[in-house]
């Protein structure tokens, strides 16, 4: 994968991008930590996509300690509350993310962590 750099979306842009990811219209990358946590907690990609598509903001857009812009979304899936941490990055528009979805201008969402509760 190419170098990724942080991007500062407006709160409205962030929510639009997250909904587009949930609908398969924008690139999505799962971090290694998120993949490991999902496997350990028996959480599937479908649950994460449903959370991105339908979720409500549980932690608003903010700059984290790593100087990245992120937010958390929560949603109930199969009776369990799922929280997904999303980081917004700017990548190479020529590369495909998960599922090969191209993002306009190279913006993409990185799922940084997934937790129940």
N, C-alpha and C. Protein backbone atom coordinates (compact mmCIF):
# COMPACT_ATOMS: atom_id res chain seq x y z
N UNK A 1 0.85 -1.18 0.00
CA UNK A 1 0.00 0.00 0.00
C UNK A 1 0.89 1.24 0.00
N UNK A 2 0.41 2.27 -0.60
CA UNK A 2 1.16 3.52 -0.66
C UNK A 2 1.18 4.20 0.70
N UNK A 3 1.95 5.28 0.78
CA UNK A 3 1.96 6.07 2.01
C UNK A 3 0.59 6.68 2.24
N UNK A 4 0.21 6.70 3.50
CA UNK A 4 -1.06 7.31 3.87
C UNK A 4 -0.76 8.53 4.72
N UNK A 5 -1.50 9.57 4.51
CA UNK A 5 -1.35 10.76 5.33
C UNK A 5 -2.71 11.14 5.90
N UNK A 6 -2.68 11.82 7.02
CA UNK A 6 -3.92 12.24 7.66
C UNK A 6 -4.63 13.29 6.83
N UNK A 7 -5.92 13.36 6.99
CA UNK A 7 -6.72 14.35 6.30
C UNK A 7 -7.75 14.87 7.30
N UNK A 8 -8.02 16.16 7.25
CA UNK A 8 -8.97 16.76 8.18
C UNK A 8 -10.30 16.99 7.48
N UNK A 9 -11.25 16.07 7.69
CA UNK A 9 -12.57 16.30 7.11
C UNK A 9 -13.41 17.16 8.05
N UNK A 10 -14.42 17.79 7.51
CA UNK A 10 -15.39 18.46 8.37
C UNK A 10 -16.26 17.35 8.98
N UNK A 11 -16.95 17.61 10.09
CA UNK A 11 -17.83 16.57 10.65
C UNK A 11 -18.85 16.05 9.64
N UNK A 12 -19.37 16.92 8.81
CA UNK A 12 -20.34 16.50 7.80
C UNK A 12 -19.69 15.60 6.76
N UNK A 13 -18.49 15.98 6.28
CA UNK A 13 -17.77 15.14 5.33
C UNK A 13 -17.47 13.78 5.93
N UNK A 14 -17.05 13.77 7.19
CA UNK A 14 -16.70 12.52 7.85
C UNK A 14 -17.89 11.57 7.86
N UNK A 15 -19.07 12.08 8.21
CA UNK A 15 -20.25 11.22 8.25
C UNK A 15 -20.65 10.76 6.85
N UNK A 16 -20.50 11.63 5.85
CA UNK A 16 -20.80 11.23 4.47
C UNK A 16 -19.87 10.11 4.04
N UNK A 17 -18.57 10.24 4.35
CA UNK A 17 -17.59 9.22 3.97
C UNK A 17 -17.87 7.91 4.67
N UNK A 18 -18.22 7.97 5.95
CA UNK A 18 -18.51 6.75 6.70
C UNK A 18 -19.71 6.04 6.11
N UNK A 19 -20.76 6.77 5.78
CA UNK A 19 -21.95 6.17 5.18
C UNK A 19 -21.62 5.57 3.81
N UNK A 20 -20.77 6.25 3.04
CA UNK A 20 -20.35 5.73 1.74
C UNK A 20 -19.56 4.44 1.90
N UNK A 21 -18.71 4.36 2.92
CA UNK A 21 -17.96 3.14 3.20
C UNK A 21 -18.94 2.01 3.52
N UNK A 22 -19.92 2.30 4.37
CA UNK A 22 -20.91 1.29 4.74
C UNK A 22 -21.71 0.79 3.56
N UNK A 23 -21.89 1.64 2.55
CA UNK A 23 -22.64 1.27 1.34
C UNK A 23 -21.74 0.73 0.24
N UNK A 24 -20.43 0.61 0.51
CA UNK A 24 -19.50 0.06 -0.47
C UNK A 24 -19.08 1.03 -1.55
N UNK A 25 -19.27 2.33 -1.34
CA UNK A 25 -18.94 3.33 -2.34
C UNK A 25 -17.60 4.02 -2.09
N UNK A 26 -16.93 3.70 -1.02
CA UNK A 26 -15.66 4.33 -0.67
C UNK A 26 -14.72 3.28 -0.11
N UNK A 27 -13.45 3.53 -0.27
CA UNK A 27 -12.43 2.57 0.17
C UNK A 27 -12.42 2.40 1.69
N UNK A 28 -12.15 1.18 2.10
CA UNK A 28 -12.09 0.84 3.51
C UNK A 28 -10.90 -0.08 3.75
N UNK A 29 -10.14 0.21 4.78
CA UNK A 29 -9.00 -0.61 5.17
C UNK A 29 -9.16 -0.96 6.64
N UNK A 30 -8.91 -2.22 6.98
CA UNK A 30 -8.93 -2.65 8.37
C UNK A 30 -7.49 -2.70 8.86
N UNK A 31 -7.21 -2.06 10.00
CA UNK A 31 -5.86 -2.13 10.58
C UNK A 31 -5.63 -3.55 11.09
N UNK A 32 -4.37 -3.90 11.27
CA UNK A 32 -4.04 -5.22 11.80
C UNK A 32 -4.65 -5.41 13.18
N UNK A 33 -4.62 -4.36 14.00
CA UNK A 33 -5.20 -4.45 15.34
C UNK A 33 -6.70 -4.71 15.25
N UNK A 34 -7.38 -4.01 14.35
CA UNK A 34 -8.83 -4.22 14.20
C UNK A 34 -9.12 -5.64 13.76
N UNK A 35 -8.36 -6.15 12.80
CA UNK A 35 -8.55 -7.53 12.33
C UNK A 35 -8.38 -8.51 13.48
N UNK A 36 -7.34 -8.32 14.29
CA UNK A 36 -7.07 -9.22 15.41
C UNK A 36 -8.18 -9.15 16.45
N UNK A 37 -8.62 -7.94 16.76
CA UNK A 37 -9.70 -7.77 17.74
C UNK A 37 -11.00 -8.39 17.24
N UNK A 38 -11.29 -8.20 15.97
CA UNK A 38 -12.50 -8.76 15.40
C UNK A 38 -12.48 -10.28 15.48
N UNK A 39 -11.35 -10.88 15.14
CA UNK A 39 -11.22 -12.34 15.18
C UNK A 39 -11.38 -12.84 16.61
N UNK A 40 -10.72 -12.17 17.55
CA UNK A 40 -10.77 -12.57 18.96
C UNK A 40 -12.19 -12.46 19.52
N UNK A 41 -12.94 -11.45 19.08
CA UNK A 41 -14.29 -11.18 19.61
C UNK A 41 -15.40 -11.74 18.74
N UNK A 42 -15.04 -12.50 17.71
CA UNK A 42 -16.01 -13.11 16.80
C UNK A 42 -16.93 -12.05 16.18
N UNK A 43 -16.32 -10.99 15.69
CA UNK A 43 -17.05 -9.91 15.02
C UNK A 43 -16.70 -9.97 13.54
N UNK A 44 -17.72 -10.02 12.69
CA UNK A 44 -17.50 -10.12 11.26
C UNK A 44 -17.49 -8.77 10.56
N UNK A 45 -16.99 -8.78 9.35
CA UNK A 45 -16.95 -7.54 8.55
C UNK A 45 -18.35 -7.01 8.28
N UNK A 46 -19.30 -7.91 8.11
CA UNK A 46 -20.68 -7.48 7.87
C UNK A 46 -21.19 -6.63 9.04
N UNK A 47 -20.86 -7.04 10.27
CA UNK A 47 -21.28 -6.28 11.44
C UNK A 47 -20.65 -4.89 11.44
N UNK A 48 -19.38 -4.83 11.06
CA UNK A 48 -18.68 -3.54 11.01
C UNK A 48 -19.31 -2.65 9.94
N UNK A 49 -19.58 -3.21 8.77
CA UNK A 49 -20.19 -2.42 7.69
C UNK A 49 -21.57 -1.93 8.07
N UNK A 50 -22.35 -2.76 8.75
CA UNK A 50 -23.67 -2.33 9.22
C UNK A 50 -23.54 -1.18 10.21
N UNK A 51 -22.53 -1.26 11.07
CA UNK A 51 -22.31 -0.19 12.04
C UNK A 51 -21.92 1.10 11.33
N UNK A 52 -21.07 1.00 10.31
CA UNK A 52 -20.68 2.20 9.56
C UNK A 52 -21.86 2.77 8.79
N UNK A 53 -22.69 1.90 8.25
CA UNK A 53 -23.82 2.34 7.44
C UNK A 53 -24.92 2.98 8.28
N UNK A 54 -25.22 2.39 9.44
CA UNK A 54 -26.37 2.81 10.23
C UNK A 54 -26.03 3.45 11.57
N UNK A 55 -24.77 3.39 11.96
CA UNK A 55 -24.37 3.80 13.31
C UNK A 55 -24.54 5.27 13.61
N UNK A 56 -24.56 5.54 14.90
CA UNK A 56 -24.63 6.89 15.42
C UNK A 56 -23.29 7.26 16.03
N UNK A 57 -22.94 8.52 15.96
CA UNK A 57 -21.65 8.97 16.49
C UNK A 57 -21.66 8.83 18.01
N UNK A 58 -20.72 8.04 18.53
CA UNK A 58 -20.61 7.89 19.98
C UNK A 58 -19.42 8.68 20.52
N UNK A 59 -18.52 9.05 19.64
CA UNK A 59 -17.40 9.94 19.99
C UNK A 59 -17.18 10.83 18.78
N UNK A 60 -17.39 12.14 18.92
CA UNK A 60 -17.33 13.03 17.75
C UNK A 60 -15.94 13.12 17.14
N UNK A 61 -15.90 13.67 15.95
CA UNK A 61 -14.66 13.86 15.22
C UNK A 61 -13.68 14.66 16.07
N UNK A 62 -12.46 14.13 16.20
CA UNK A 62 -11.43 14.79 17.00
C UNK A 62 -10.06 14.33 16.53
N UNK A 63 -9.05 15.06 16.94
CA UNK A 63 -7.67 14.69 16.62
C UNK A 63 -7.15 13.84 17.77
N UNK A 64 -6.60 12.66 17.45
CA UNK A 64 -6.12 11.76 18.50
C UNK A 64 -4.63 12.01 18.78
N UNK A 65 -4.09 11.21 19.70
CA UNK A 65 -2.68 11.38 20.10
C UNK A 65 -1.71 11.15 18.95
N UNK A 66 -2.12 10.35 17.98
CA UNK A 66 -1.27 10.07 16.81
C UNK A 66 -1.41 11.11 15.73
N UNK A 67 -2.09 12.23 16.00
CA UNK A 67 -2.28 13.33 15.08
C UNK A 67 -3.19 12.96 13.90
N UNK A 68 -4.06 11.97 14.10
CA UNK A 68 -5.02 11.57 13.08
C UNK A 68 -6.41 12.06 13.47
N UNK A 69 -7.25 12.31 12.46
CA UNK A 69 -8.64 12.68 12.70
C UNK A 69 -9.46 11.41 12.76
N UNK A 70 -10.27 11.26 13.81
CA UNK A 70 -11.03 10.03 14.00
C UNK A 70 -12.35 10.31 14.69
N UNK A 71 -13.23 9.33 14.62
CA UNK A 71 -14.49 9.35 15.35
C UNK A 71 -14.89 7.90 15.63
N UNK A 72 -15.82 7.72 16.53
CA UNK A 72 -16.35 6.40 16.84
C UNK A 72 -17.83 6.38 16.51
N UNK A 73 -18.29 5.26 15.99
CA UNK A 73 -19.71 5.04 15.71
C UNK A 73 -20.16 3.80 16.44
N UNK A 74 -21.39 3.82 16.93
CA UNK A 74 -21.95 2.66 17.63
C UNK A 74 -23.29 2.28 17.00
N UNK A 75 -23.58 0.97 17.07
CA UNK A 75 -24.82 0.45 16.52
C UNK A 75 -25.09 -0.90 17.15
N UNK A 76 -26.34 -1.26 17.24
CA UNK A 76 -26.72 -2.58 17.75
C UNK A 76 -26.84 -3.54 16.59
N UNK A 77 -26.15 -4.66 16.70
CA UNK A 77 -26.20 -5.68 15.67
C UNK A 77 -26.39 -7.02 16.36
N UNK A 78 -27.44 -7.72 16.02
CA UNK A 78 -27.76 -9.03 16.62
C UNK A 78 -27.84 -8.93 18.14
N UNK A 79 -28.39 -7.84 18.64
CA UNK A 79 -28.59 -7.67 20.07
C UNK A 79 -27.39 -7.20 20.85
N UNK A 80 -26.27 -7.00 20.18
CA UNK A 80 -25.06 -6.54 20.87
C UNK A 80 -24.65 -5.18 20.33
N UNK A 81 -24.22 -4.30 21.22
CA UNK A 81 -23.75 -2.98 20.80
C UNK A 81 -22.32 -3.11 20.30
N UNK A 82 -22.06 -2.55 19.14
CA UNK A 82 -20.74 -2.60 18.52
C UNK A 82 -20.26 -1.17 18.33
N UNK A 83 -19.02 -0.89 18.69
CA UNK A 83 -18.42 0.42 18.50
C UNK A 83 -17.22 0.27 17.56
N UNK A 84 -17.19 1.10 16.53
CA UNK A 84 -16.14 1.05 15.52
C UNK A 84 -15.41 2.39 15.53
N UNK A 85 -14.09 2.34 15.68
CA UNK A 85 -13.24 3.52 15.61
C UNK A 85 -12.74 3.71 14.19
N UNK A 86 -12.99 4.88 13.62
CA UNK A 86 -12.63 5.16 12.23
C UNK A 86 -11.63 6.31 12.18
N UNK A 87 -10.55 6.11 11.42
CA UNK A 87 -9.55 7.14 11.18
C UNK A 87 -9.64 7.54 9.71
N UNK A 88 -9.57 8.82 9.42
CA UNK A 88 -9.66 9.31 8.05
C UNK A 88 -8.26 9.57 7.52
N UNK A 89 -7.96 8.99 6.35
CA UNK A 89 -6.64 9.09 5.73
C UNK A 89 -6.78 9.50 4.27
N UNK A 90 -5.68 9.96 3.72
CA UNK A 90 -5.60 10.29 2.30
C UNK A 90 -4.57 9.36 1.71
N UNK A 91 -5.00 8.52 0.76
CA UNK A 91 -4.10 7.56 0.14
C UNK A 91 -4.03 7.78 -1.35
N UNK A 92 -3.29 6.90 -2.03
CA UNK A 92 -3.16 6.93 -3.47
C UNK A 92 -4.49 6.51 -4.09
N UNK A 93 -5.09 7.34 -4.91
CA UNK A 93 -6.40 7.06 -5.51
C UNK A 93 -6.34 5.89 -6.48
N UNK A 94 -5.15 5.51 -6.95
CA UNK A 94 -5.02 4.42 -7.90
C UNK A 94 -5.12 3.06 -7.25
N UNK A 95 -4.86 2.98 -5.95
CA UNK A 95 -4.86 1.69 -5.27
C UNK A 95 -6.25 1.36 -4.79
N UNK A 96 -6.60 0.10 -4.80
CA UNK A 96 -7.90 -0.35 -4.30
C UNK A 96 -7.79 -0.71 -2.84
N UNK A 97 -8.80 -0.39 -2.08
CA UNK A 97 -8.86 -0.79 -0.68
C UNK A 97 -9.57 -2.12 -0.58
N UNK A 98 -10.12 -2.43 0.56
CA UNK A 98 -10.87 -3.67 0.75
C UNK A 98 -12.04 -3.67 -0.23
N UNK A 99 -12.19 -4.78 -0.93
CA UNK A 99 -13.29 -4.89 -1.86
C UNK A 99 -13.06 -4.13 -3.16
N UNK A 100 -11.89 -3.48 -3.31
CA UNK A 100 -11.55 -2.78 -4.53
C UNK A 100 -12.35 -1.51 -4.77
N UNK A 101 -12.91 -0.95 -3.75
CA UNK A 101 -13.71 0.27 -3.91
C UNK A 101 -12.80 1.47 -4.03
N UNK A 102 -12.95 2.24 -5.09
CA UNK A 102 -12.14 3.43 -5.26
C UNK A 102 -12.79 4.62 -4.61
N UNK A 103 -12.01 5.44 -3.93
CA UNK A 103 -12.56 6.62 -3.30
C UNK A 103 -12.21 7.84 -4.10
N UNK A 104 -13.13 8.72 -4.28
CA UNK A 104 -12.88 9.95 -5.03
C UNK A 104 -11.79 10.74 -4.33
N UNK A 105 -10.77 11.11 -5.08
CA UNK A 105 -9.70 11.92 -4.50
C UNK A 105 -8.77 11.14 -3.60
N UNK A 106 -8.99 9.84 -3.41
CA UNK A 106 -8.10 9.03 -2.61
C UNK A 106 -8.42 9.01 -1.13
N UNK A 107 -9.51 9.66 -0.70
CA UNK A 107 -9.86 9.61 0.72
C UNK A 107 -10.30 8.20 1.07
N UNK A 108 -9.93 7.76 2.24
CA UNK A 108 -10.37 6.45 2.68
C UNK A 108 -10.56 6.44 4.18
N UNK A 109 -11.31 5.46 4.63
CA UNK A 109 -11.54 5.29 6.06
C UNK A 109 -10.77 4.07 6.51
N UNK A 110 -10.12 4.18 7.64
CA UNK A 110 -9.37 3.08 8.23
C UNK A 110 -10.07 2.68 9.52
N UNK A 111 -10.49 1.43 9.59
CA UNK A 111 -11.08 0.94 10.84
C UNK A 111 -9.93 0.61 11.76
N UNK A 112 -9.83 1.40 12.83
CA UNK A 112 -8.70 1.26 13.74
C UNK A 112 -8.96 0.25 14.84
N UNK A 113 -10.19 0.18 15.31
CA UNK A 113 -10.52 -0.75 16.37
C UNK A 113 -12.01 -1.06 16.36
N UNK A 114 -12.35 -2.23 16.88
CA UNK A 114 -13.75 -2.66 16.97
C UNK A 114 -13.94 -3.28 18.35
N UNK A 115 -14.92 -2.79 19.09
CA UNK A 115 -15.19 -3.34 20.41
C UNK A 115 -16.69 -3.55 20.60
N UNK A 116 -17.03 -4.48 21.47
CA UNK A 116 -18.43 -4.65 21.86
C UNK A 116 -18.68 -3.76 23.05
N UNK A 117 -19.79 -3.08 23.02
CA UNK A 117 -20.15 -2.23 24.17
C UNK A 117 -20.04 -0.78 23.90
